[in-house]
Amino acid sequence: MTEDITRASEPVVDQSGVRFTVFFEVRGPQVFEVSARVLVDVFRARSYRPDDLLAAFTQHQETIANAAKAWHGKAGPGAQKLDDALLRPQRAGMP
């Protein structure tokens, strides 16, 4: 089963990473988190500064949303961490 997702709020960023909420058409809202390390290692954020982390998140938002969509069926309560093991394959072939 596929579900459409909609961003439910603006992402929240600090030096630990970016948290964002998406609304799944069938199952409702879910919070996800991408760590600063993943944003630097996988998406090549320029630094661990919040502005640079948010820039990398924004630039790769579609890839991150696809990973959230793929992960959603396995999600439990609380923020779900999207780690490099999930995001690297999503990013394969991207500059």
PDB file of N, CA and C in Angstrom:
ATOM      1  N   MET A   1       0.851  -1.172   0.000  1.00  0.00           N
ATOM      2  CA  MET A   1       0.000   0.000   0.000  1.00  0.00           C
ATOM      3  C   MET A   1       0.898   1.237   0.000  1.00  0.00           C
ATOM      4  N   THR A   2       0.574   2.197  -0.835  1.00  0.00           N
ATOM      5  CA  THR A   2       1.314   3.450  -0.824  1.00  0.00           C
ATOM      6  C   THR A   2       0.434   4.522  -0.205  1.00  0.00           C
ATOM      7  N   GLU A   3       1.085   5.480   0.400  1.00  0.00           N
ATOM      8  CA  GLU A   3       0.383   6.586   1.029  1.00  0.00           C
ATOM      9  C   GLU A   3       1.004   7.882   0.566  1.00  0.00           C
ATOM     10  N   ASP A   4       0.177   8.893   0.352  1.00  0.00           N
ATOM     11  CA  ASP A   4       0.689  10.224   0.098  1.00  0.00           C
ATOM     12  C   ASP A   4       1.044  10.844   1.429  1.00  0.00           C
ATOM     13  N   ILE A   5       2.082  11.686   1.415  1.00  0.00           N
ATOM     14  CA  ILE A   5       2.476  12.382   2.629  1.00  0.00           C
ATOM     15  C   ILE A   5       2.508  13.875   2.366  1.00  0.00           C
ATOM     16  N   THR A   6       2.280  14.632   3.407  1.00  0.00           N
ATOM     17  CA  THR A   6       2.313  16.081   3.361  1.00  0.00           C
ATOM     18  C   THR A   6       3.131  16.562   4.541  1.00  0.00           C
ATOM     19  N   ARG A   7       3.981  17.542   4.305  1.00  0.00           N
ATOM     20  CA  ARG A   7       4.729  18.105   5.433  1.00  0.00           C
ATOM     21  C   ARG A   7       3.747  18.816   6.340  1.00  0.00           C
ATOM     22  N   ALA A   8       3.769  18.464   7.607  1.00  0.00           N
ATOM     23  CA  ALA A   8       2.789  18.993   8.548  1.00  0.00           C
ATOM     24  C   ALA A   8       3.262  20.259   9.240  1.00  0.00           C
ATOM     25  N   SER A   9       4.569  20.528   9.234  1.00  0.00           N
ATOM     26  CA  SER A   9       5.087  21.712   9.908  1.00  0.00           C
ATOM     27  C   SER A   9       6.460  22.042   9.344  1.00  0.00           C
ATOM     28  N   GLU A  10       6.943  23.215   9.692  1.00  0.00           N
ATOM     29  CA  GLU A  10       8.305  23.591   9.306  1.00  0.00           C
ATOM     30  C   GLU A  10       9.287  22.736  10.093  1.00  0.00           C
ATOM     31  N   PRO A  11      10.418  22.383   9.483  1.00  0.00           N
ATOM     32  CA  PRO A  11      11.409  21.601  10.217  1.00  0.00           C
ATOM     33  C   PRO A  11      12.005  22.422  11.362  1.00  0.00           C
ATOM     34  N   VAL A  12      12.396  21.707  12.413  1.00  0.00           N
ATOM     35  CA  VAL A  12      13.053  22.322  13.566  1.00  0.00           C
ATOM     36  C   VAL A  12      14.511  21.881  13.518  1.00  0.00           C
ATOM     37  N   VAL A  13      15.416  22.842  13.574  1.00  0.00           N
ATOM     38  CA  VAL A  13      16.841  22.524  13.445  1.00  0.00           C
ATOM     39  C   VAL A  13      17.619  23.064  14.639  1.00  0.00           C
ATOM     40  N   ASP A  14      18.608  22.271  15.073  1.00  0.00           N
ATOM     41  CA  ASP A  14      19.591  22.719  16.053  1.00  0.00           C
ATOM     42  C   ASP A  14      20.876  21.956  15.738  1.00  0.00           C
ATOM     43  N   GLN A  15      21.884  22.056  16.570  1.00  0.00           N
ATOM     44  CA  GLN A  15      23.167  21.416  16.265  1.00  0.00           C
ATOM     45  C   GLN A  15      23.112  19.895  16.285  1.00  0.00           C
ATOM     46  N   SER A  16      22.032  19.324  16.813  1.00  0.00           N
ATOM     47  CA  SER A  16      21.925  17.863  16.830  1.00  0.00           C
ATOM     48  C   SER A  16      21.303  17.314  15.553  1.00  0.00           C
ATOM     49  N   GLY A  17      20.604  18.154  14.777  1.00  0.00           N
ATOM     50  CA  GLY A  17      19.992  17.696  13.537  1.00  0.00           C
ATOM     51  C   GLY A  17      18.698  18.418  13.235  1.00  0.00           C
ATOM     52  N   VAL A  18      17.900  17.792  12.381  1.00  0.00           N
ATOM     53  CA  VAL A  18      16.633  18.374  11.934  1.00  0.00           C
ATOM     54  C   VAL A  18      15.505  17.402  12.262  1.00  0.00           C
ATOM     55  N   ARG A  19      14.451  17.933  12.879  1.00  0.00           N
ATOM     56  CA  ARG A  19      13.236  17.159  13.145  1.00  0.00           C
ATOM     57  C   ARG A  19      12.113  17.757  12.308  1.00  0.00           C
ATOM     58  N   PHE A  20      11.281  16.878  11.773  1.00  0.00           N
ATOM     59  CA  PHE A  20      10.175  17.341  10.944  1.00  0.00           C
ATOM     60  C   PHE A  20       8.995  16.402  11.111  1.00  0.00           C
ATOM     61  N   THR A  21       7.817  16.923  10.872  1.00  0.00           N
ATOM     62  CA  THR A  21       6.596  16.131  10.987  1.00  0.00           C
ATOM     63  C   THR A  21       5.958  16.036   9.614  1.00  0.00           C
ATOM     64  N   VAL A  22       5.551  14.834   9.271  1.00  0.00           N
ATOM     65  CA  VAL A  22       4.782  14.638   8.045  1.00  0.00           C
ATOM     66  C   VAL A  22       3.429  14.049   8.422  1.00  0.00           C
ATOM     67  N   PHE A  23       2.452  14.332   7.613  1.00  0.00           N
ATOM     68  CA  PHE A  23       1.113  13.796   7.817  1.00  0.00           C
ATOM     69  C   PHE A  23       0.885  12.742   6.751  1.00  0.00           C
ATOM     70  N   PHE A  24       0.697  11.505   7.196  1.00  0.00           N
ATOM     71  CA  PHE A  24       0.409  10.410   6.286  1.00  0.00           C
ATOM     72  C   PHE A  24      -1.094  10.361   6.071  1.00  0.00           C
ATOM     73  N   GLU A  25      -1.495  10.306   4.823  1.00  0.00           N
ATOM     74  CA  GLU A  25      -2.908  10.377   4.446  1.00  0.00           C
ATOM     75  C   GLU A  25      -3.775   9.401   5.233  1.00  0.00           C
ATOM     76  N   VAL A  26      -3.298   8.196   5.425  1.00  0.00           N
ATOM     77  CA  VAL A  26      -4.103   7.175   6.082  1.00  0.00           C
ATOM     78  C   VAL A  26      -3.827   7.096   7.582  1.00  0.00           C
ATOM     79  N   ARG A  27      -2.568   7.212   7.989  1.00  0.00           N
ATOM     80  CA  ARG A  27      -2.198   6.930   9.381  1.00  0.00           C
ATOM     81  C   ARG A  27      -1.970   8.154  10.253  1.00  0.00           C
ATOM     82  N   GLY A  28      -1.976   9.346   9.702  1.00  0.00           N
ATOM     83  CA  GLY A  28      -1.816  10.543  10.519  1.00  0.00           C
ATOM     84  C   GLY A  28      -0.381  11.029  10.639  1.00  0.00           C
ATOM     85  N   PRO A  29      -0.103  11.901  11.625  1.00  0.00           N
ATOM     86  CA  PRO A  29       1.207  12.542  11.732  1.00  0.00           C
ATOM     87  C   PRO A  29       2.277  11.635  12.341  1.00  0.00           C
ATOM     88  N   GLN A  30       3.509  11.901  11.929  1.00  0.00           N
ATOM     89  CA  GLN A  30       4.660  11.189  12.468  1.00  0.00           C
ATOM     90  C   GLN A  30       5.848  12.148  12.452  1.00  0.00           C
ATOM     91  N   VAL A  31       6.610  12.166  13.549  1.00  0.00           N
ATOM     92  CA  VAL A  31       7.812  12.979  13.647  1.00  0.00           C
ATOM     93  C   VAL A  31       9.015  12.125  13.246  1.00  0.00           C
ATOM     94  N   PHE A  32       9.881  12.707  12.431  1.00  0.00           N
ATOM     95  CA  PHE A  32      11.122  12.062  12.013  1.00  0.00           C
ATOM     96  C   PHE A  32      12.284  12.965  12.360  1.00  0.00           C
ATOM     97  N   GLU A  33      13.464  12.371  12.476  1.00  0.00           N
ATOM     98  CA  GLU A  33      14.668  13.126  12.787  1.00  0.00           C
ATOM     99  C   GLU A  33      15.814  12.650  11.908  1.00  0.00           C
ATOM    100  N   VAL A  34      16.581  13.603  11.385  1.00  0.00           N
ATOM    101  CA  VAL A  34      17.812  13.304  10.656  1.00  0.00           C
ATOM    102  C   VAL A  34      18.926  13.959  11.470  1.00  0.00           C
ATOM    103  N   SER A  35      19.878  13.165  11.930  1.00  0.00           N
ATOM    104  CA  SER A  35      20.940  13.696  12.791  1.00  0.00           C
ATOM    105  C   SER A  35      21.882  14.597  12.005  1.00  0.00           C
ATOM    106  N   ALA A  36      22.577  15.442  12.744  1.00  0.00           N
ATOM    107  CA  ALA A  36      23.572  16.317  12.130  1.00  0.00           C
ATOM    108  C   ALA A  36      24.648  15.486  11.440  1.00  0.00           C
ATOM    109  N   ARG A  37      25.071  14.403  12.068  1.00  0.00           N
ATOM    110  CA  ARG A  37      26.102  13.544  11.463  1.00  0.00           C
ATOM    111  C   ARG A  37      25.665  13.013  10.107  1.00  0.00           C
ATOM    112  N   VAL A  38      24.409  12.575  10.008  1.00  0.00           N
ATOM    113  CA  VAL A  38      23.900  12.063   8.734  1.00  0.00           C
ATOM    114  C   VAL A  38      23.827  13.188   7.703  1.00  0.00           C
ATOM    115  N   LEU A  39      23.396  14.360   8.119  1.00  0.00           N
ATOM    116  CA  LEU A  39      23.316  15.480   7.172  1.00  0.00           C
ATOM    117  C   LEU A  39      24.698  15.867   6.653  1.00  0.00           C
ATOM    118  N   VAL A  40      25.719  15.753   7.492  1.00  0.00           N
ATOM    119  CA  VAL A  40      27.087  16.061   7.057  1.00  0.00           C
ATOM    120  C   VAL A  40      27.657  14.913   6.224  1.00  0.00           C
ATOM    121  N   ASP A  41      27.543  13.673   6.705  1.00  0.00           N
ATOM    122  CA  ASP A  41      28.154  12.526   6.030  1.00  0.00           C
ATOM    123  C   ASP A  41      27.450  12.130   4.741  1.00  0.00           C
ATOM    124  N   VAL A  42      26.132  12.105   4.760  1.00  0.00           N
ATOM    125  CA  VAL A  42      25.374  11.611   3.606  1.00  0.00           C
ATOM    126  C   VAL A  42      25.021  12.742   2.635  1.00  0.00           C
ATOM    127  N   PHE A  43      24.588  13.868   3.178  1.00  0.00           N
ATOM    128  CA  PHE A  43      24.104  14.954   2.321  1.00  0.00           C
ATOM    129  C   PHE A  43      25.076  16.121   2.226  1.00  0.00           C
ATOM    130  N   ARG A  44      26.257  15.941   2.783  1.00  0.00           N
ATOM    131  CA  ARG A  44      27.356  16.892   2.647  1.00  0.00           C
ATOM    132  C   ARG A  44      27.030  18.310   3.117  1.00  0.00           C
ATOM    133  N   ALA A  45      26.351  18.409   4.260  1.00  0.00           N
ATOM    134  CA  ALA A  45      26.170  19.732   4.872  1.00  0.00           C
ATOM    135  C   ALA A  45      27.565  20.317   5.086  1.00  0.00           C
ATOM    136  N   ARG A  46      27.704  21.615   4.904  1.00  0.00           N
ATOM    137  CA  ARG A  46      29.012  22.270   4.976  1.00  0.00           C
ATOM    138  C   ARG A  46      29.615  22.234   6.374  1.00  0.00           C
ATOM    139  N   SER A  47      28.773  22.214   7.410  1.00  0.00           N
ATOM    140  CA  SER A  47      29.256  22.172   8.789  1.00  0.00           C
ATOM    141  C   SER A  47      28.107  21.700   9.682  1.00  0.00           C
ATOM    142  N   TYR A  48      28.370  21.682  10.976  1.00  0.00           N
ATOM    143  CA  TYR A  48      27.346  21.305  11.950  1.00  0.00           C
ATOM    144  C   TYR A  48      26.534  22.517  12.422  1.00  0.00           C
ATOM    145  N   ARG A  49      26.740  23.659  11.826  1.00  0.00           N
ATOM    146  CA  ARG A  49      25.946  24.847  12.175  1.00  0.00           C
ATOM    147  C   ARG A  49      24.507  24.626  11.725  1.00  0.00           C
ATOM    148  N   PRO A  50      23.537  25.058  12.527  1.00  0.00           N
ATOM    149  CA  PRO A  50      22.129  24.850  12.163  1.00  0.00           C
ATOM    150  C   PRO A  50      21.761  25.348  10.764  1.00  0.00           C
ATOM    151  N   ASP A  51      22.281  26.490  10.336  1.00  0.00           N
ATOM    152  CA  ASP A  51      21.968  26.998   8.995  1.00  0.00           C
ATOM    153  C   ASP A  51      22.448  26.046   7.904  1.00  0.00           C
ATOM    154  N   ASP A  52      23.647  25.472   8.079  1.00  0.00           N
ATOM    155  CA  ASP A  52      24.175  24.535   7.092  1.00  0.00           C
ATOM    156  C   ASP A  52      23.413  23.217   7.106  1.00  0.00           C
ATOM    157  N   LEU A  53      23.023  22.765   8.296  1.00  0.00           N
ATOM    158  CA  LEU A  53      22.233  21.534   8.388  1.00  0.00           C
ATOM    159  C   LEU A  53      20.888  21.709   7.702  1.00  0.00           C
ATOM    160  N   LEU A  54      20.234  22.833   7.944  1.00  0.00           N
ATOM    161  CA  LEU A  54      18.934  23.094   7.320  1.00  0.00           C
ATOM    162  C   LEU A  54      19.070  23.219   5.805  1.00  0.00           C
ATOM    163  N   ALA A  55      20.145  23.831   5.326  1.00  0.00           N
ATOM    164  CA  ALA A  55      20.358  23.952   3.884  1.00  0.00           C
ATOM    165  C   ALA A  55      20.477  22.566   3.237  1.00  0.00           C
ATOM    166  N   ALA A  56      21.229  21.656   3.863  1.00  0.00           N
ATOM    167  CA  ALA A  56      21.372  20.297   3.330  1.00  0.00           C
ATOM    168  C   ALA A  56      20.035  19.564   3.374  1.00  0.00           C
ATOM    169  N   PHE A  57      19.309  19.721   4.478  1.00  0.00           N
ATOM    170  CA  PHE A  57      17.985  19.095   4.602  1.00  0.00           C
ATOM    171  C   PHE A  57      17.061  19.597   3.490  1.00  0.00           C
ATOM    172  N   THR A  58      17.031  20.901   3.288  1.00  0.00           N
ATOM    173  CA  THR A  58      16.149  21.493   2.278  1.00  0.00           C
ATOM    174  C   THR A  58      16.528  21.025   0.878  1.00  0.00           C
ATOM    175  N   GLN A  59      17.819  20.997   0.595  1.00  0.00           N
ATOM    176  CA  GLN A  59      18.287  20.580  -0.727  1.00  0.00           C
ATOM    177  C   GLN A  59      17.909  19.131  -1.031  1.00  0.00           C
ATOM    178  N   HIS A  60      17.868  18.292  -0.013  1.00  0.00           N
ATOM    179  CA  HIS A  60      17.609  16.857  -0.206  1.00  0.00           C
ATOM    180  C   HIS A  60      16.271  16.429   0.390  1.00  0.00           C
ATOM    181  N   GLN A  61      15.364  17.368   0.516  1.00  0.00           N
ATOM    182  CA  GLN A  61      14.083  17.120   1.170  1.00  0.00           C
ATOM    183  C   GLN A  61      13.283  16.003   0.489  1.00  0.00           C
ATOM    184  N   GLU A  62      13.306  15.935  -0.818  1.00  0.00           N
ATOM    185  CA  GLU A  62      12.542  14.889  -1.518  1.00  0.00           C
ATOM    186  C   GLU A  62      13.094  13.500  -1.176  1.00  0.00           C
ATOM    187  N   THR A  63      14.411  13.367  -1.168  1.00  0.00           N
ATOM    188  CA  THR A  63      15.045  12.094  -0.813  1.00  0.00           C
ATOM    189  C   THR A  63      14.712  11.697   0.622  1.00  0.00           C
ATOM    190  N   ILE A  64      14.770  12.672   1.521  1.00  0.00           N
ATOM    191  CA  ILE A  64      14.471  12.416   2.933  1.00  0.00           C
ATOM    192  C   ILE A  64      13.001  12.040   3.105  1.00  0.00           C
ATOM    193  N   ALA A  65      12.115  12.725   2.395  1.00  0.00           N
ATOM    194  CA  ALA A  65      10.684  12.399   2.466  1.00  0.00           C
ATOM    195  C   ALA A  65      10.419  10.993   1.947  1.00  0.00           C
ATOM    196  N   ASN A  66      11.116  10.580   0.893  1.00  0.00           N
ATOM    197  CA  ASN A  66      10.949   9.214   0.375  1.00  0.00           C
ATOM    198  C   ASN A  66      11.403   8.178   1.401  1.00  0.00           C
ATOM    199  N   ALA A  67      12.483   8.481   2.120  1.00  0.00           N
ATOM    200  CA  ALA A  67      12.945   7.571   3.175  1.00  0.00           C
ATOM    201  C   ALA A  67      11.924   7.508   4.307  1.00  0.00           C
ATOM    202  N   ALA A  68      11.349   8.652   4.664  1.00  0.00           N
ATOM    203  CA  ALA A  68      10.316   8.671   5.714  1.00  0.00           C
ATOM    204  C   ALA A  68       9.107   7.855   5.276  1.00  0.00           C
ATOM    205  N   LYS A  69       8.746   7.993   4.036  1.00  0.00           N
ATOM    206  CA  LYS A  69       7.601   7.243   3.504  1.00  0.00           C
ATOM    207  C   LYS A  69       7.878   5.738   3.565  1.00  0.00           C
ATOM    208  N   ALA A  70       9.087   5.332   3.198  1.00  0.00           N
ATOM    209  CA  ALA A  70       9.454   3.915   3.227  1.00  0.00           C
ATOM    210  C   ALA A  70       9.507   3.380   4.663  1.00  0.00           C
ATOM    211  N   TRP A  71       9.927   4.215   5.611  1.00  0.00           N
ATOM    212  CA  TRP A  71      10.079   3.812   7.005  1.00  0.00           C
ATOM    213  C   TRP A  71       8.762   3.796   7.758  1.00  0.00           C
ATOM    214  N   HIS A  72       7.784   4.558   7.316  1.00  0.00           N
ATOM    215  CA  HIS A  72       6.578   4.806   8.099  1.00  0.00           C
ATOM    216  C   HIS A  72       5.861   3.543   8.569  1.00  0.00           C
ATOM    217  N   GLY A  73       5.777   2.532   7.767  1.00  0.00           N
ATOM    218  CA  GLY A  73       5.067   1.322   8.172  1.00  0.00           C
ATOM    219  C   GLY A  73       5.677   0.653   9.388  1.00  0.00           C
ATOM    220  N   LYS A  74       6.954   0.958   9.674  1.00  0.00           N
ATOM    221  CA  LYS A  74       7.665   0.350  10.795  1.00  0.00           C
ATOM    222  C   LYS A  74       7.729   1.272  11.999  1.00  0.00           C
ATOM    223  N   ALA A  75       7.196   2.476  11.868  1.00  0.00           N
ATOM    224  CA  ALA A  75       7.353   3.505  12.899  1.00  0.00           C
ATOM    225  C   ALA A  75       6.542   3.200  14.148  1.00  0.00           C
ATOM    226  N   GLY A  76       7.150   3.474  15.276  1.00  0.00           N
ATOM    227  CA  GLY A  76       6.477   3.367  16.558  1.00  0.00           C
ATOM    228  C   GLY A  76       6.220   4.762  17.102  1.00  0.00           C
ATOM    229  N   PRO A  77       5.923   4.870  18.378  1.00  0.00           N
ATOM    230  CA  PRO A  77       5.679   6.196  18.959  1.00  0.00           C
ATOM    231  C   PRO A  77       6.969   7.003  19.058  1.00  0.00           C
ATOM    232  N   GLY A  78       6.836   8.307  19.090  1.00  0.00           N
ATOM    233  CA  GLY A  78       7.987   9.198  19.226  1.00  0.00           C
ATOM    234  C   GLY A  78       8.650   9.478  17.894  1.00  0.00           C
ATOM    235  N   ALA A  79       9.697  10.281  17.951  1.00  0.00           N
ATOM    236  CA  ALA A  79      10.438  10.641  16.743  1.00  0.00           C
ATOM    237  C   ALA A  79      11.201   9.430  16.208  1.00  0.00           C
ATOM    238  N   GLN A  80      11.115   9.216  14.929  1.00  0.00           N
ATOM    239  CA  GLN A  80      11.812   8.111  14.276  1.00  0.00           C
ATOM    240  C   GLN A  80      13.079   8.652  13.627  1.00  0.00           C
ATOM    241  N   LYS A  81      14.213   8.048  13.939  1.00  0.00           N
ATOM    242  CA  LYS A  81      15.489   8.499  13.388  1.00  0.00           C
ATOM    243  C   LYS A  81      15.712   7.871  12.016  1.00  0.00           C
ATOM    244  N   LEU A  82      15.940   8.734  11.044  1.00  0.00           N
ATOM    245  CA  LEU A  82      16.296   8.271   9.706  1.00  0.00           C
ATOM    246  C   LEU A  82      17.820   8.246   9.656  1.00  0.00           C
ATOM    247  N   ASP A  83      18.392   7.048   9.675  1.00  0.00           N
ATOM    248  CA  ASP A  83      19.842   6.938   9.758  1.00  0.00           C
ATOM    249  C   ASP A  83      20.482   6.777   8.388  1.00  0.00           C
ATOM    250  N   ASP A  84      21.814   6.747   8.392  1.00  0.00           N
ATOM    251  CA  ASP A  84      22.531   6.676   7.122  1.00  0.00           C
ATOM    252  C   ASP A  84      22.273   5.373   6.383  1.00  0.00           C
ATOM    253  N   ALA A  85      22.009   4.289   7.080  1.00  0.00           N
ATOM    254  CA  ALA A  85      21.724   3.019   6.413  1.00  0.00           C
ATOM    255  C   ALA A  85      20.464   3.118   5.549  1.00  0.00           C
ATOM    256  N   LEU A  86      19.507   3.911   5.978  1.00  0.00           N
ATOM    257  CA  LEU A  86      18.271   4.104   5.215  1.00  0.00           C
ATOM    258  C   LEU A  86      18.447   5.182   4.150  1.00  0.00           C
ATOM    259  N   LEU A  87      19.195   6.230   4.459  1.00  0.00           N
ATOM    260  CA  LEU A  87      19.297   7.360   3.541  1.00  0.00           C
ATOM    261  C   LEU A  87      20.346   7.194   2.458  1.00  0.00           C
ATOM    262  N   ARG A  88      21.418   6.472   2.713  1.00  0.00           N
ATOM    263  CA  ARG A  88      22.448   6.292   1.665  1.00  0.00           C
ATOM    264  C   ARG A  88      21.879   5.637   0.407  1.00  0.00           C
ATOM    265  N   PRO A  89      21.116   4.548   0.517  1.00  0.00           N
ATOM    266  CA  PRO A  89      20.555   3.962  -0.713  1.00  0.00           C
ATOM    267  C   PRO A  89      19.615   4.922  -1.428  1.00  0.00           C
ATOM    268  N   GLN A  90      18.874   5.750  -0.682  1.00  0.00           N
ATOM    269  CA  GLN A  90      17.976   6.715  -1.282  1.00  0.00           C
ATOM    270  C   GLN A  90      18.759   7.759  -2.068  1.00  0.00           C
ATOM    271  N   ARG A  91      19.972   8.051  -1.616  1.00  0.00           N
ATOM    272  CA  ARG A  91      20.776   9.097  -2.222  1.00  0.00           C
ATOM    273  C   ARG A  91      21.651   8.566  -3.354  1.00  0.00           C
ATOM    274  N   ALA A  92      21.759   7.263  -3.509  1.00  0.00           N
ATOM    275  CA  ALA A  92      22.641   6.673  -4.502  1.00  0.00           C
ATOM    276  C   ALA A  92      22.437   7.310  -5.874  1.00  0.00           C
ATOM    277  N   GLY A  93      23.549   7.659  -6.494  1.00  0.00           N
ATOM    278  CA  GLY A  93      23.491   8.240  -7.827  1.00  0.00           C
ATOM    279  C   GLY A  93      23.285   9.737  -7.847  1.00  0.00           C
ATOM    280  N   MET A  94      23.120  10.364  -6.667  1.00  0.00           N
ATOM    281  CA  MET A  94      22.932  11.813  -6.613  1.00  0.00           C
ATOM    282  C   MET A  94      24.288  12.472  -6.434  1.00  0.00           C
ATOM    283  N   PRO A  95      24.463  13.704  -6.940  1.00  0.00           N
ATOM    284  CA  PRO A  95      25.748  14.390  -6.767  1.00  0.00           C
ATOM    285  C   PRO A  95      26.000  14.779  -5.320  1.00  0.00           C
TER     286      PRO A  95
END
